[in-house]
Structures are given as structure tokens and as C-alpha cells.
Amino acid sequence: MADTESRAPGKDIIALSPDGRELWVSVKGFPENSPNTQARHWFSGAVFDLILYHDENPDVTLALGLPDGFPTYKGLPPPCQVASGINAF
């Protein structure tokens, strides 16, 4: 699991999904500087992480955790969720 305080890379949450499969979650927070641009960069980095996680273990359930109410994040997940099967929370 990642050390979020030090911003170390890695899976932020490892848990069991509702169907009993292992669940790996990459979590992103509220951007601080240049929020819309930073949110897009963080989002693209998180999606890339999920692609790498899938290569590491294609049998796990992958998810992306984003804060509710941030417009840039709110506009990004639906197309990716449909295209790649990633769960967005």
C-alpha cells in the first residue's frame, strides 16, 4: 500500500471487492495548484497506473477513487469507465 503522506507511488488501497475479488484502488485528491490542469495530469497518471496494475495481475478488480464535486474529475471518468472497465468511486 502506498504511503499517501509522503506521496509514494503504489496502490493506495488493497481490499476485497463486493464479489470477493481482490480490489486495487488508485486514489486522487483535490488539486492545489492550477487545479484543472493538475487534475488532468493526476487523472492520466492514475489511469496509467491502473494499466500497469492490470499487467501485474489481470485477475484483480481495479478502481479509481476521486473526490466528489470536483468538476474536472467529474467530467473525466465516464468515458474511461465505459472504455476500459475501470470502476470509478
C-alpha atoms as a PDB file:
ATOM      1  CA  MET A   1       0.000   0.000   0.000  1.00  0.00           C
ATOM      2  CA  ALA A   2       1.232   3.480  -0.802  1.00  0.00           C
ATOM      3  CA  ASP A   3       2.332   5.953   1.853  1.00  0.00           C
ATOM      4  CA  THR A   4      -0.008   8.793   0.845  1.00  0.00           C
ATOM      5  CA  GLU A   5       1.521  11.295   3.262  1.00  0.00           C
ATOM      6  CA  SER A   6       4.904  11.003   1.544  1.00  0.00           C
ATOM      7  CA  ARG A   7       3.169  10.695  -1.851  1.00  0.00           C
ATOM      8  CA  ALA A   8       5.000   7.438  -2.541  1.00  0.00           C
ATOM      9  CA  PRO A   9       3.856   5.586  -5.652  1.00  0.00           C
ATOM     10  CA  GLY A  10       1.877   2.382  -5.355  1.00  0.00           C
ATOM     11  CA  LYS A  11      -1.607   1.046  -4.803  1.00  0.00           C
ATOM     12  CA  ASP A  12      -3.435   3.324  -2.364  1.00  0.00           C
ATOM     13  CA  ILE A  13      -5.979   0.729  -1.221  1.00  0.00           C
ATOM     14  CA  ILE A  14      -5.893  -3.059  -1.430  1.00  0.00           C
ATOM     15  CA  ALA A  15      -9.162  -4.698  -0.383  1.00  0.00           C
ATOM     16  CA  LEU A  16     -11.776  -7.231  -1.430  1.00  0.00           C
ATOM     17  CA  SER A  17     -14.449  -6.177  -3.915  1.00  0.00           C
ATOM     18  CA  PRO A  18     -18.134  -6.974  -3.233  1.00  0.00           C
ATOM     19  CA  ASP A  19     -17.804 -10.076  -5.427  1.00  0.00           C
ATOM     20  CA  GLY A  20     -14.855 -11.349  -3.361  1.00  0.00           C
ATOM     21  CA  ARG A  21     -12.103 -10.484  -5.834  1.00  0.00           C
ATOM     22  CA  GLU A  22      -9.014  -8.558  -4.798  1.00  0.00           C
ATOM     23  CA  LEU A  23      -9.535  -4.817  -5.365  1.00  0.00           C
ATOM     24  CA  TRP A  24      -6.697  -2.353  -6.073  1.00  0.00           C
ATOM     25  CA  VAL A  25      -7.610   1.331  -5.855  1.00  0.00           C
ATOM     26  CA  SER A  26      -5.636   4.359  -7.006  1.00  0.00           C
ATOM     27  CA  VAL A  27      -6.904   7.430  -5.124  1.00  0.00           C
ATOM     28  CA  LYS A  28      -6.506  11.066  -6.156  1.00  0.00           C
ATOM     29  CA  GLY A  29      -7.348  14.102  -4.042  1.00  0.00           C
ATOM     30  CA  PHE A  30      -8.222  17.729  -4.605  1.00  0.00           C
ATOM     31  CA  PRO A  31      -5.578  19.507  -6.700  1.00  0.00           C
ATOM     32  CA  GLU A  32      -3.894  22.500  -5.040  1.00  0.00           C
ATOM     33  CA  ASN A  33      -2.116  24.460  -7.791  1.00  0.00           C
ATOM     34  CA  SER A  34      -3.619  25.044 -11.241  1.00  0.00           C
ATOM     35  CA  PRO A  35      -6.474  22.731 -10.213  1.00  0.00           C
ATOM     36  CA  ASN A  36      -7.929  21.871 -13.629  1.00  0.00           C
ATOM     37  CA  THR A  37      -4.550  21.172 -15.228  1.00  0.00           C
ATOM     38  CA  GLN A  38      -3.244  19.308 -12.184  1.00  0.00           C
ATOM     39  CA  ALA A  39      -6.420  17.207 -12.011  1.00  0.00           C
ATOM     40  CA  ARG A  40      -5.984  16.135 -15.635  1.00  0.00           C
ATOM     41  CA  HIS A  41      -2.342  15.184 -15.039  1.00  0.00           C
ATOM     42  CA  TRP A  42      -3.189  13.256 -11.863  1.00  0.00           C
ATOM     43  CA  PHE A  43      -6.059  11.516 -13.634  1.00  0.00           C
ATOM     44  CA  SER A  44      -3.920  10.462 -16.602  1.00  0.00           C
ATOM     45  CA  GLY A  45      -1.210   9.237 -14.211  1.00  0.00           C
ATOM     46  CA  ALA A  46      -3.776   7.217 -12.257  1.00  0.00           C
ATOM     47  CA  VAL A  47      -5.164   5.618 -15.424  1.00  0.00           C
ATOM     48  CA  PHE A  48      -1.614   4.716 -16.473  1.00  0.00           C
ATOM     49  CA  ASP A  49      -1.048   3.172 -13.016  1.00  0.00           C
ATOM     50  CA  LEU A  50      -4.207   1.090 -13.460  1.00  0.00           C
ATOM     51  CA  ILE A  51      -2.949  -0.152 -16.834  1.00  0.00           C
ATOM     52  CA  LEU A  52       0.309  -1.224 -15.177  1.00  0.00           C
ATOM     53  CA  TYR A  53      -1.619  -2.856 -12.316  1.00  0.00           C
ATOM     54  CA  HIS A  54      -3.671  -4.815 -14.850  1.00  0.00           C
ATOM     55  CA  ASP A  55      -0.466  -6.071 -16.455  1.00  0.00           C
ATOM     56  CA  GLU A  56       0.775  -7.057 -12.986  1.00  0.00           C
ATOM     57  CA  ASN A  57      -2.370  -9.078 -12.238  1.00  0.00           C
ATOM     58  CA  PRO A  58      -5.234  -9.206 -14.769  1.00  0.00           C
ATOM     59  CA  ASP A  59      -7.480 -11.032 -12.272  1.00  0.00           C
ATOM     60  CA  VAL A  60      -7.853  -8.147  -9.790  1.00  0.00           C
ATOM     61  CA  THR A  61     -10.647  -5.583  -9.846  1.00  0.00           C
ATOM     62  CA  LEU A  62      -9.270  -2.093 -10.491  1.00  0.00           C
ATOM     63  CA  ALA A  63     -10.787   1.152  -9.282  1.00  0.00           C
ATOM     64  CA  LEU A  64     -10.049   4.846  -9.267  1.00  0.00           C
ATOM     65  CA  GLY A  65     -11.070   6.906  -6.227  1.00  0.00           C
ATOM     66  CA  LEU A  66     -11.753  10.586  -6.904  1.00  0.00           C
ATOM     67  CA  PRO A  67     -13.177  13.330  -4.666  1.00  0.00           C
ATOM     68  CA  ASP A  68     -16.833  14.101  -5.255  1.00  0.00           C
ATOM     69  CA  GLY A  69     -17.770  17.520  -6.543  1.00  0.00           C
ATOM     70  CA  PHE A  70     -14.571  18.484  -8.379  1.00  0.00           C
ATOM     71  CA  PRO A  71     -15.740  19.471 -11.906  1.00  0.00           C
ATOM     72  CA  THR A  72     -12.624  18.390 -13.807  1.00  0.00           C
ATOM     73  CA  TYR A  73     -12.639  14.906 -12.272  1.00  0.00           C
ATOM     74  CA  LYS A  74     -16.405  14.664 -12.647  1.00  0.00           C
ATOM     75  CA  GLY A  75     -16.096  15.190 -16.402  1.00  0.00           C
ATOM     76  CA  LEU A  76     -13.301  12.654 -16.953  1.00  0.00           C
ATOM     77  CA  PRO A  77     -14.245   9.196 -15.560  1.00  0.00           C
ATOM     78  CA  PRO A  78     -17.364   8.195 -17.576  1.00  0.00           C
ATOM     79  CA  PRO A  79     -15.669   7.755 -20.980  1.00  0.00           C
ATOM     80  CA  CYS A  80     -12.757   5.877 -19.426  1.00  0.00           C
ATOM     81  CA  GLN A  81     -15.035   3.740 -17.274  1.00  0.00           C
ATOM     82  CA  VAL A  82     -17.013   2.593 -20.296  1.00  0.00           C
ATOM     83  CA  ALA A  83     -13.935   2.082 -22.485  1.00  0.00           C
ATOM     84  CA  SER A  84     -11.747   0.174 -20.041  1.00  0.00           C
ATOM     85  CA  GLY A  85     -13.980  -1.354 -17.380  1.00  0.00           C
ATOM     86  CA  ILE A  86     -12.365   0.694 -14.616  1.00  0.00           C
ATOM     87  CA  ASN A  87     -14.577   1.324 -11.594  1.00  0.00           C
ATOM     88  CA  ALA A  88     -14.733   4.982 -10.541  1.00  0.00           C
ATOM     89  CA  PHE A  89     -15.635   5.889  -6.956  1.00  0.00           C
END
